[in-house]
Amino acid sequence: MRLAIATDAWLPQVNGVVRTMTETVSRLTARGFEVEVVAPDRFTTIPCPGYSEIRLALAPRFGLRKALHSFNPDIVHIVTEGPIGWSARAWCIKHHIPFTTAFHTRFPDYVAERTPFSSNAIWPIMRKFHSRSHAVLTATQSLRNELHSRGIESTRLWSRGIDHGLFHPRHAMHPQIANLPKPVLLSVGRVAVEKNLKAFLDADVAGTKVIVGDGPARAGLEAQYPDALFLGTKRGAELASIYASADLFVFPSKTDTFGLVIVEALACGLPVAGYPVPGPIDILGVDGRSPDGRLSEPVGCLHENLVTAINQSLKMSRASAAQYGAQFCWDACTDQFVAGVEDAFINTREQRQATAA
């Protein structure tokens, strides 16, 4: 199968969308798919307002059209609702090429955090974008339920995984963590307003708060909270070492669709504290024993009071957290992705054959 992937999020960006797509493309190629990625690195770009580290393609329609015509895909997967995503959608509709989409980011909530617009004003745009998609791939069941309530249908589950060779608890102590006052409370992700990091940094708890990541809010938060340690962006084995060296992972975001960093932290042996919202609930369950209750003991605490969640999670087993985190597998996630794309292609072909008959 010839599969084109159109995405506004790609390397060198560091986020869950990029990690998900690079892992998926690698596995698709290994399975024999012909994959063509159309990403911002092919175009002239401008900084995304409020996110200078994210580059948006400037007027990508002509270049994208040329790339897709040349590749001649059987189907297109559209990752994001940005300039490249909208251009790919228009090309697919014009040329009667089936396409699938993904709902990675709670874009309406992000807009509401930064502008006078409410999230409800943005949802009609999301409905239009996904309306012609043959399958809208979503990370969790609760997100599928929400999208259905918002009028976005044809959803399919596409979960997330980890690199088992990288994220595990057997790393040496990271030198920047080794001598910090205990417990070391870690948060990893983009340092931006929608991540709700102030709730974590304001929490009245013992120990040292460590923030890994970068973003538009970093300078302000670093100045406001001098007792916290901001390490900037970390990747690969160094990031895994930081996870394994901490005592607890704190995920204060209320807007993420999944929270891939939660799974990475668990696999490195960190119990998790956070809020009882979609994403964390889909990973941990309401009582920290996974959504299906299969864990014999909780590996995290989700509570409306983040201090309570932190204090409760510090009592939990690192070994149980690592065992649970290791169950998340990229190969299984790729199976879900392939099933969604192949079903969309087959259904479209059958519809064309029926019409022709």
Protein backbone atom coordinates (compact mmCIF):
# COMPACT_ATOMS: atom_id res chain seq x y z
CA MET A 1 0.00 0.00 0.00
CA ARG A 2 1.17 3.51 -0.84
CA LEU A 3 0.41 5.68 2.18
CA ALA A 4 1.01 9.42 2.33
CA ILE A 5 1.14 11.07 5.74
CA ALA A 6 0.41 14.81 5.87
CA THR A 7 1.42 16.46 9.12
CA ASP A 8 2.09 19.93 10.50
CA ALA A 9 3.95 18.32 13.44
CA TRP A 10 7.29 16.73 12.63
CA LEU A 11 10.95 16.72 13.58
CA PRO A 12 12.68 18.64 15.08
CA GLN A 13 9.58 19.37 17.18
CA VAL A 14 9.51 17.48 20.49
CA ASN A 15 6.02 16.41 21.51
CA GLY A 16 3.75 13.40 21.75
CA VAL A 17 2.38 13.81 18.22
CA VAL A 18 5.85 13.71 16.67
CA ARG A 19 6.93 10.74 18.80
CA THR A 20 3.77 8.87 17.87
CA MET A 21 4.18 9.52 14.15
CA THR A 22 7.92 8.77 13.94
CA GLU A 23 7.41 5.48 15.77
CA THR A 24 4.46 4.61 13.52
CA VAL A 25 6.27 5.49 10.27
CA SER A 26 9.25 3.38 11.30
CA ARG A 27 7.05 0.35 11.92
CA LEU A 28 4.97 0.86 8.79
CA THR A 29 8.12 0.92 6.66
CA ALA A 30 9.36 -2.26 8.34
CA ARG A 31 6.04 -3.92 7.44
CA GLY A 32 6.44 -3.12 3.75
CA PHE A 33 4.31 0.00 3.40
CA GLU A 34 5.50 2.66 0.98
CA VAL A 35 5.28 5.79 3.11
CA GLU A 36 5.69 9.40 2.03
CA VAL A 37 5.70 12.05 4.78
CA VAL A 38 4.68 15.56 3.79
CA ALA A 39 5.78 17.78 6.67
CA PRO A 40 6.87 21.40 7.32
CA ASP A 41 10.49 20.64 6.40
CA ARG A 42 9.43 20.76 2.72
CA PHE A 43 8.11 24.31 2.87
CA THR A 44 8.92 27.86 3.83
CA THR A 45 7.75 28.17 7.43
CA ILE A 46 6.80 30.84 9.93
CA PRO A 47 6.71 30.59 13.75
CA CYS A 48 3.41 29.51 15.21
CA PRO A 49 1.95 32.44 17.23
CA GLY A 50 2.74 31.75 20.88
CA TYR A 51 4.94 28.74 19.98
CA SER A 52 8.06 30.01 18.24
CA GLU A 53 9.62 26.53 18.37
CA ILE A 54 6.79 25.20 16.19
CA ARG A 55 7.09 26.12 12.52
CA LEU A 56 3.98 26.29 10.33
CA ALA A 57 4.13 25.78 6.59
CA LEU A 58 3.47 29.00 4.69
CA ALA A 59 1.04 28.50 1.78
CA PRO A 60 1.79 24.77 1.40
CA ARG A 61 -1.00 23.99 -1.08
CA PHE A 62 1.04 24.02 -4.32
CA GLY A 63 4.02 22.10 -2.90
CA LEU A 64 1.77 19.57 -1.21
CA ARG A 65 -0.25 19.06 -4.38
CA LYS A 66 2.96 18.43 -6.33
CA ALA A 67 4.26 15.95 -3.71
CA LEU A 68 1.02 13.98 -3.56
CA HIS A 69 0.61 13.89 -7.34
CA SER A 70 4.15 12.56 -7.66
CA PHE A 71 3.72 9.90 -4.97
CA ASN A 72 0.23 8.86 -6.14
CA PRO A 73 -0.96 7.45 -2.80
CA ASP A 74 -3.63 4.80 -2.34
CA ILE A 75 -4.74 6.63 0.80
CA VAL A 76 -3.66 9.65 2.84
CA HIS A 77 -3.50 9.93 6.61
CA ILE A 78 -3.85 13.52 7.84
CA VAL A 79 -2.30 14.02 11.26
CA THR A 80 -3.08 17.62 12.18
CA GLU A 81 -5.63 20.38 11.57
CA GLY A 82 -2.98 22.90 10.43
CA PRO A 83 -2.09 24.38 7.02
CA ILE A 84 -0.68 21.10 5.67
CA GLY A 85 -3.63 19.14 7.04
CA TRP A 86 -6.22 21.41 5.45
CA SER A 87 -4.35 21.43 2.12
CA ALA A 88 -4.12 17.63 2.12
CA ARG A 89 -7.83 17.34 2.89
CA ALA A 90 -8.71 19.59 -0.06
CA TRP A 91 -6.45 17.61 -2.42
CA CYS A 92 -7.96 14.28 -1.36
CA ILE A 93 -11.53 15.52 -1.85
CA LYS A 94 -10.73 17.01 -5.24
CA HIS A 95 -9.04 13.83 -6.52
CA HIS A 96 -11.36 11.32 -4.80
CA ILE A 97 -8.53 9.84 -2.73
CA PRO A 98 -9.67 8.30 0.58
CA PHE A 99 -8.18 9.78 3.71
CA THR A 100 -8.16 9.20 7.43
CA THR A 101 -7.51 11.77 10.14
CA ALA A 102 -6.37 11.79 13.76
CA PHE A 103 -7.48 13.84 16.75
CA HIS A 104 -4.20 14.29 18.64
CA THR A 105 -4.65 17.73 20.19
CA ARG A 106 -7.48 19.45 22.01
CA PHE A 107 -7.12 22.45 19.73
CA PRO A 108 -10.39 24.13 20.86
CA ASP A 109 -9.17 24.13 24.47
CA TYR A 110 -5.76 25.49 23.48
CA VAL A 111 -7.35 28.37 21.57
CA ALA A 112 -9.61 29.14 24.52
CA GLU A 113 -6.57 29.41 26.82
CA ARG A 114 -4.96 32.05 24.59
CA THR A 115 -7.79 34.07 23.05
CA PRO A 116 -11.19 35.56 23.94
CA PHE A 117 -12.86 32.74 21.98
CA SER A 118 -14.57 29.90 23.82
CA SER A 119 -13.78 26.32 22.88
CA ASN A 120 -17.37 25.93 21.65
CA ALA A 121 -16.64 28.47 18.92
CA ILE A 122 -13.83 26.26 17.55
CA TRP A 123 -15.60 22.89 17.53
CA PRO A 124 -17.55 23.60 14.29
CA ILE A 125 -14.18 24.00 12.53
CA MET A 126 -13.08 20.64 13.92
CA ARG A 127 -16.30 19.02 12.73
CA LYS A 128 -15.77 20.34 9.22
CA PHE A 129 -12.15 19.19 9.10
CA HIS A 130 -12.96 15.60 10.13
CA SER A 131 -16.34 15.37 8.36
CA ARG A 132 -15.07 13.66 5.20
CA SER A 133 -12.57 11.39 6.96
CA HIS A 134 -13.14 7.65 6.55
CA ALA A 135 -11.75 7.04 10.05
CA VAL A 136 -10.91 9.50 12.82
CA LEU A 137 -8.19 7.85 14.91
CA THR A 138 -8.30 8.71 18.62
CA ALA A 139 -6.11 7.67 21.53
CA THR A 140 -8.75 6.82 24.13
CA GLN A 141 -12.33 5.66 24.50
CA SER A 142 -13.30 8.74 26.50
CA LEU A 143 -12.06 10.94 23.67
CA ARG A 144 -14.10 8.90 21.19
CA ASN A 145 -17.16 9.46 23.36
CA GLU A 146 -16.52 13.19 23.52
CA LEU A 147 -15.99 13.49 19.77
CA HIS A 148 -19.25 11.66 19.14
CA SER A 149 -21.03 14.12 21.45
CA ARG A 150 -19.47 16.94 19.40
CA GLY A 151 -20.74 15.52 16.11
CA ILE A 152 -17.47 13.92 14.95
CA GLU A 153 -18.27 10.36 13.90
CA SER A 154 -16.40 7.38 12.39
CA THR A 155 -13.86 7.27 15.20
CA ARG A 156 -11.53 4.36 15.82
CA LEU A 157 -9.20 3.62 18.71
CA TRP A 158 -5.48 4.13 18.16
CA SER A 159 -3.58 3.89 21.42
CA ARG A 160 0.05 4.73 22.27
CA GLY A 161 3.15 2.78 23.26
CA ILE A 162 6.73 3.11 24.44
CA ASP A 163 10.21 2.08 23.36
CA HIS A 164 10.88 -0.77 25.78
CA GLY A 165 14.62 -0.63 25.14
CA LEU A 166 14.69 2.98 26.31
CA PHE A 167 12.03 3.45 28.96
CA HIS A 168 12.72 1.13 31.88
CA PRO A 169 13.78 1.57 35.54
CA ARG A 170 17.34 0.25 35.18
CA HIS A 171 19.06 3.53 34.32
CA ALA A 172 21.89 5.03 36.37
CA MET A 173 21.03 8.03 38.52
CA HIS A 174 21.03 11.22 36.48
CA PRO A 175 23.72 13.60 37.85
CA GLN A 176 21.39 16.62 37.98
CA ILE A 177 18.88 14.66 40.04
CA ALA A 178 21.18 12.66 42.33
CA ASN A 179 21.70 15.24 45.10
CA LEU A 180 18.38 17.04 45.09
CA PRO A 181 16.27 17.11 48.27
CA LYS A 182 13.82 14.21 48.24
CA PRO A 183 11.27 13.43 47.05
CA VAL A 184 11.99 14.51 43.48
CA LEU A 185 8.71 15.39 41.76
CA LEU A 186 9.01 15.40 37.98
CA SER A 187 6.89 16.83 35.19
CA VAL A 188 7.76 16.42 31.49
CA GLY A 189 6.22 18.17 28.53
CA ARG A 190 5.75 21.45 26.73
CA VAL A 191 6.06 24.41 29.10
CA ALA A 192 2.92 26.27 28.09
CA VAL A 193 -0.19 27.67 29.72
CA GLU A 194 -2.47 24.78 28.71
CA LYS A 195 -0.26 22.30 30.58
CA ASN A 196 -1.40 23.80 33.91
CA LEU A 197 2.12 23.70 35.37
CA LYS A 198 1.31 26.45 37.87
CA ALA A 199 -0.93 23.99 39.72
CA PHE A 200 2.08 21.72 40.16
CA LEU A 201 4.51 24.52 41.02
CA ASP A 202 2.07 26.03 43.54
CA ALA A 203 1.43 22.70 45.28
CA ASP A 204 2.51 22.84 48.92
CA VAL A 205 4.46 19.58 49.14
CA ALA A 206 7.90 18.52 50.31
CA GLY A 207 10.82 17.82 48.01
CA THR A 208 12.11 19.27 44.75
CA LYS A 209 10.07 20.04 41.66
CA VAL A 210 11.78 19.32 38.34
CA ILE A 211 10.44 20.45 34.96
CA VAL A 212 11.72 18.89 31.73
CA GLY A 213 10.69 20.60 28.52
CA ASP A 214 10.60 23.99 26.88
CA GLY A 215 7.98 26.37 25.63
CA PRO A 216 6.62 29.91 25.71
CA ALA A 217 5.86 29.90 29.45
CA ARG A 218 9.28 28.70 30.60
CA ALA A 219 11.00 32.06 31.18
CA GLY A 220 8.11 33.41 33.23
CA LEU A 221 7.71 30.29 35.34
CA GLU A 222 11.45 29.94 35.91
CA ALA A 223 11.58 33.49 37.25
CA GLN A 224 8.45 33.03 39.38
CA TYR A 225 9.52 29.69 40.89
CA PRO A 226 13.27 29.88 41.60
CA ASP A 227 13.19 26.80 43.84
CA ALA A 228 12.11 24.56 40.95
CA LEU A 229 14.68 23.07 38.59
CA PHE A 230 14.02 23.65 34.87
CA LEU A 231 16.16 21.33 32.75
CA GLY A 232 14.92 22.24 29.28
CA THR A 233 14.29 19.71 26.53
CA LYS A 234 15.75 16.23 27.02
CA ARG A 235 15.56 13.24 24.71
CA GLY A 236 16.39 9.57 24.47
CA ALA A 237 18.46 7.86 27.14
CA GLU A 238 18.99 11.08 29.09
CA LEU A 239 15.25 11.64 29.38
CA ALA A 240 14.72 8.03 30.44
CA SER A 241 17.46 8.43 33.06
CA ILE A 242 15.71 11.50 34.48
CA TYR A 243 12.44 9.60 34.69
CA ALA A 244 14.11 6.69 36.49
CA SER A 245 15.94 9.03 38.90
CA ALA A 246 12.84 10.84 40.14
CA ASP A 247 10.45 9.66 42.85
CA LEU A 248 7.10 10.64 41.35
CA PHE A 249 5.66 11.85 38.06
CA VAL A 250 3.18 14.73 38.25
CA PHE A 251 0.88 15.37 35.29
CA PRO A 252 -1.12 18.54 35.98
CA SER A 253 -2.56 18.99 32.47
CA LYS A 254 -6.33 18.85 32.03
CA THR A 255 -6.31 19.23 28.24
CA ASP A 256 -4.20 16.37 26.84
CA THR A 257 -5.90 13.70 24.75
CA PHE A 258 -3.66 10.94 26.15
CA GLY A 259 -0.42 11.89 27.90
CA LEU A 260 2.33 9.74 26.37
CA VAL A 261 4.74 10.98 29.04
CA ILE A 262 2.57 9.25 31.67
CA VAL A 263 3.25 5.88 30.08
CA GLU A 264 6.98 6.62 29.70
CA ALA A 265 7.16 7.60 33.37
CA LEU A 266 5.31 4.47 34.51
CA ALA A 267 7.63 2.25 32.48
CA CYS A 268 10.60 3.87 34.22
CA GLY A 269 9.11 3.01 37.61
CA LEU A 270 7.34 6.24 38.56
CA PRO A 271 3.89 6.28 40.12
CA VAL A 272 1.77 9.12 38.71
CA ALA A 273 -0.20 11.96 40.29
CA GLY A 274 -2.69 14.02 38.33
CA TYR A 275 -6.26 15.14 37.91
CA PRO A 276 -9.23 12.81 37.21
CA VAL A 277 -9.72 13.93 33.59
CA PRO A 278 -9.77 12.14 30.22
CA GLY A 279 -6.30 11.00 29.25
CA PRO A 280 -4.98 10.20 32.73
CA ILE A 281 -8.20 8.32 33.58
CA ASP A 282 -7.91 6.29 30.36
CA ILE A 283 -4.39 5.22 31.35
CA LEU A 284 -4.70 4.87 35.12
CA GLY A 285 -8.39 4.37 35.77
CA VAL A 286 -10.31 6.31 38.39
CA ASP A 287 -8.65 4.41 41.23
CA GLY A 288 -5.17 4.02 39.74
CA ARG A 289 -5.69 0.31 38.99
CA SER A 290 -6.06 0.75 35.18
CA PRO A 291 -9.37 1.32 33.37
CA ASP A 292 -10.27 -2.38 33.52
CA GLY A 293 -9.21 -2.75 37.16
CA ARG A 294 -6.70 -5.49 36.37
CA LEU A 295 -3.95 -4.14 38.63
CA SER A 296 -3.78 -5.61 42.13
CA GLU A 297 -2.58 -2.29 43.53
CA PRO A 298 -2.80 1.31 42.29
CA VAL A 299 0.14 2.84 40.38
CA GLY A 300 -1.14 6.40 40.59
CA CYS A 301 -3.64 8.72 42.20
CA LEU A 302 -5.96 11.09 40.34
CA HIS A 303 -7.64 13.64 42.58
CA GLU A 304 -9.19 17.10 42.24
CA ASN A 305 -6.72 18.21 44.91
CA LEU A 306 -3.27 17.80 43.35
CA VAL A 307 -1.54 17.86 46.76
CA THR A 308 -3.64 14.88 47.82
CA ALA A 309 -2.79 13.08 44.58
CA ILE A 310 0.94 13.70 45.09
CA ASN A 311 1.00 12.58 48.73
CA GLN A 312 -0.99 9.43 47.97
CA SER A 313 1.08 8.48 44.91
CA LEU A 314 4.35 8.74 46.81
CA LYS A 315 3.25 5.68 48.82
CA MET A 316 2.85 3.47 45.74
CA SER A 317 5.09 0.75 44.36
CA ARG A 318 7.68 1.67 41.73
CA ALA A 319 7.94 -1.96 40.66
CA SER A 320 4.20 -2.17 39.97
CA ALA A 321 4.34 1.08 38.02
CA ALA A 322 7.17 -0.24 35.83
CA GLN A 323 5.37 -3.53 35.23
CA TYR A 324 2.22 -1.75 34.12
CA GLY A 325 4.03 0.78 31.94
CA ALA A 326 5.86 -1.99 30.10
CA GLN A 327 2.52 -3.32 28.81
CA PHE A 328 2.14 -0.39 26.38
CA CYS A 329 3.51 -1.50 23.02
CA TRP A 330 4.06 0.43 19.78
CA ASP A 331 3.60 -2.69 17.65
CA ALA A 332 0.09 -3.20 19.02
CA CYS A 333 -0.66 0.48 18.36
CA THR A 334 0.60 0.12 14.79
CA ASP A 335 -1.77 -2.84 14.35
CA GLN A 336 -4.64 -0.50 15.24
CA PHE A 337 -3.41 2.17 12.85
CA VAL A 338 -3.01 -0.30 9.97
CA ALA A 339 -6.48 -1.74 10.57
CA GLY A 340 -8.04 1.73 10.42
CA VAL A 341 -6.21 2.74 7.24
CA GLU A 342 -6.74 -0.58 5.44
CA ASP A 343 -10.44 -0.72 6.32
CA ALA A 344 -10.89 2.81 5.00
CA PHE A 345 -9.16 1.90 1.74
CA ILE A 346 -11.12 -1.34 1.27
CA ASN A 347 -14.46 0.29 2.07
CA THR A 348 -13.78 3.07 -0.43
CA ARG A 349 -12.79 0.58 -3.15
CA GLU A 350 -15.93 -1.48 -2.54
CA GLN A 351 -18.12 1.61 -2.71
CA ARG A 352 -16.56 2.60 -6.04
CA GLN A 353 -17.06 -0.89 -7.42
CA ALA A 354 -20.70 -0.91 -6.34
CA THR A 355 -21.26 2.50 -7.92
CA ALA A 356 -19.60 1.38 -11.17
CA ALA A 357 -21.75 -1.77 -11.28
